[in-house]
C-alpha atoms as a PDB file:
ATOM      1  CA  MET A   1      72.330-313.304 -87.518  1.00  0.00           C
ATOM      2  CA  LYS A   2      73.102-314.173 -90.999  1.00  0.00           C
ATOM      3  CA  ASN A   3      76.537-315.786 -92.008  1.00  0.00           C
ATOM      4  CA  LEU A   4      78.638-314.822 -94.917  1.00  0.00           C
ATOM      5  CA  ARG A   5      81.804-315.943 -96.315  1.00  0.00           C
ATOM      6  CA  ALA A   6      84.266-313.345 -97.180  1.00  0.00           C
ATOM      7  CA  VAL A   7      84.253-314.514-100.827  1.00  0.00           C
ATOM      8  CA  ASP A   8      80.481-314.240-100.894  1.00  0.00           C
ATOM      9  CA  LEU A   9      80.674-310.615 -99.668  1.00  0.00           C
ATOM     10  CA  ARG A  10      83.060-309.687-102.547  1.00  0.00           C
ATOM     11  CA  LYS A  11      80.407-310.834-104.846  1.00  0.00           C
ATOM     12  CA  SER A  12      77.237-309.212-103.441  1.00  0.00           C
ATOM     13  CA  LEU A  13      78.345-306.256-101.138  1.00  0.00           C
ATOM     14  CA  GLY A  14      75.646-304.042-102.769  1.00  0.00           C
ATOM     15  CA  GLU A  15      73.057-306.687-101.864  1.00  0.00           C
ATOM     16  CA  VAL A  16      74.431-306.992 -98.558  1.00  0.00           C
ATOM     17  CA  ALA A  17      74.348-303.209 -97.941  1.00  0.00           C
ATOM     18  CA  ARG A  18      70.675-303.059 -98.945  1.00  0.00           C
ATOM     19  CA  SER A  19      69.863-305.843 -96.675  1.00  0.00           C
ATOM     20  CA  LEU A  20      71.471-304.001 -93.796  1.00  0.00           C
ATOM     21  CA  ASP A  21      69.373-300.964 -94.522  1.00  0.00           C
ATOM     22  CA  ARG A  22      66.296-302.627 -94.918  1.00  0.00           C
ATOM     23  CA  SER A  23      66.192-305.193 -92.037  1.00  0.00           C
ATOM     24  CA  GLY A  24      69.197-304.027 -89.823  1.00  0.00           C
ATOM     25  CA  GLU A  25      70.103-307.572 -89.318  1.00  0.00           C
ATOM     26  CA  PRO A  26      73.714-308.098 -88.514  1.00  0.00           C
ATOM     27  CA  VAL A  27      75.837-310.230 -90.855  1.00  0.00           C
ATOM     28  CA  ALA A  28      78.409-312.418 -89.390  1.00  0.00           C
ATOM     29  CA  LEU A  29      81.523-312.489 -91.723  1.00  0.00           C
ATOM     30  CA  THR A  30      83.575-315.635 -91.984  1.00  0.00           C
ATOM     31  CA  LEU A  31      86.890-316.318 -93.609  1.00  0.00           C
ATOM     32  CA  ARG A  32      87.805-319.907 -93.996  1.00  0.00           C
ATOM     33  CA  GLY A  33      84.969-321.037 -91.925  1.00  0.00           C
ATOM     34  CA  ARG A  34      85.942-319.263 -88.847  1.00  0.00           C
ATOM     35  CA  PRO A  35      84.160-315.934 -87.615  1.00  0.00           C
ATOM     36  CA  VAL A  36      86.349-312.832 -88.358  1.00  0.00           C
ATOM     37  CA  GLY A  37      83.905-309.997 -87.771  1.00  0.00           C
ATOM     38  CA  VAL A  38      80.213-308.379 -87.958  1.00  0.00           C
ATOM     39  CA  LEU A  39      78.563-306.007 -90.128  1.00  0.00           C
ATOM     40  CA  ILE A  40      75.958-303.954 -88.570  1.00  0.00           C
ATOM     41  CA  SER A  41      73.424-301.123 -89.745  1.00  0.00           C
ATOM     42  CA  VAL A  42      74.372-297.423 -89.266  1.00  0.00           C
ATOM     43  CA  ARG A  43      71.179-297.371 -86.903  1.00  0.00           C
ATOM     44  CA  ASP A  44      72.620-300.328 -84.758  1.00  0.00           C
ATOM     45  CA  TRP A  45      75.946-298.453 -84.665  1.00  0.00           C
ATOM     46  CA  ASN A  46      74.363-295.237 -83.285  1.00  0.00           C
ATOM     47  CA  GLU A  47      72.150-296.897 -80.899  1.00  0.00           C
ATOM     48  CA  ARG A  48      75.092-299.164 -79.516  1.00  0.00           C
ATOM     49  CA  PHE A  49      78.065-296.925 -79.365  1.00  0.00           C
ATOM     50  CA  THR A  50      77.342-293.210 -80.245  1.00  0.00           C
ATOM     51  CA  SER A  51      74.808-293.404 -77.267  1.00  0.00           C
ATOM     52  CA  ARG A  52      77.173-295.252 -75.020  1.00  0.00           C
ATOM     53  CA  ALA A  53      79.739-292.207 -75.570  1.00  0.00           C
ATOM     54  CA  VAL A  54      77.329-289.623 -74.618  1.00  0.00           C
ATOM     55  CA  GLN A  55      76.343-291.649 -71.315  1.00  0.00           C
ATOM     56  CA  ASP A  56      80.049-292.154 -70.800  1.00  0.00           C
ATOM     57  CA  GLU A  57      80.548-288.323 -70.910  1.00  0.00           C
ATOM     58  CA  ARG A  58      77.645-287.609 -68.792  1.00  0.00           C
ATOM     59  CA  ARG A  59      79.078-290.004 -66.096  1.00  0.00           C
ATOM     60  CA  ARG A  60      82.450-288.333 -66.344  1.00  0.00           C
ATOM     61  CA  LEU A  61      80.767-284.872 -65.987  1.00  0.00           C
ATOM     62  CA  VAL A  62      78.814-285.931 -62.746  1.00  0.00           C
ATOM     63  CA  ALA A  63      82.015-287.508 -61.349  1.00  0.00           C
ATOM     64  CA  GLU A  64      83.881-284.461 -62.072  1.00  0.00           C
ATOM     65  CA  ILE A  65      81.205-282.323 -60.464  1.00  0.00           C
ATOM     66  CA  LEU A  66      80.962-284.579 -57.514  1.00  0.00           C
ATOM     67  CA  ALA A  67      84.710-284.474 -57.069  1.00  0.00           C
ATOM     68  CA  ASP A  68      84.862-280.585 -57.034  1.00  0.00           C
ATOM     69  CA  ARG A  69      81.913-279.819 -54.586  1.00  0.00           C
ATOM     70  CA  ARG A  70      80.969-276.236 -54.276  1.00  0.00           C
ATOM     71  CA  PRO A  71      79.659-274.552 -51.163  1.00  0.00           C
ATOM     72  CA  ALA A  72      75.676-274.679 -51.037  1.00  0.00           C
ATOM     73  CA  SER A  73      75.888-270.920 -51.962  1.00  0.00           C
ATOM     74  CA  VAL A  74      76.953-271.500 -55.513  1.00  0.00           C
ATOM     75  CA  PRO A  75      74.134-272.174 -57.738  1.00  0.00           C
ATOM     76  CA  ILE A  76      74.441-275.711 -59.442  1.00  0.00           C
ATOM     77  CA  GLU A  77      73.921-274.165 -62.908  1.00  0.00           C
ATOM     78  CA  GLU A  78      76.839-271.895 -62.166  1.00  0.00           C
ATOM     79  CA  ALA A  79      79.041-275.253 -61.029  1.00  0.00           C
ATOM     80  CA  ILE A  80      78.257-277.008 -64.228  1.00  0.00           C
ATOM     81  CA  ASP A  81      79.037-274.141 -66.444  1.00  0.00           C
ATOM     82  CA  GLU A  82      82.413-273.911 -64.925  1.00  0.00           C
ATOM     83  CA  VAL A  83      83.026-277.587 -65.187  1.00  0.00           C
ATOM     84  CA  ARG A  84      82.097-277.362 -68.946  1.00  0.00           C
ATOM     85  CA  ARG A  85      84.447-274.508 -69.491  1.00  0.00           C
ATOM     86  CA  GLY A  86      87.210-276.537 -68.265  1.00  0.00           C
END
């Protein structure tokens, strides 16, 4: 991970953005010598956070289905559709 001072970010934002786009390597942002944040590519954002949200939603749906078990006579597809409708 590259380190970049906040003052240098102001001077080279376009270059930093192009580097993120090309390499995807995160950039640690420092202010007065201490780390204050990390810049990541959109690709990393989607892989790390968007996918996690989808997984969390799946887990929530499964938990809801399991908590509201239906008799065996109700097809699972029907039960899932009912849960999705709310």
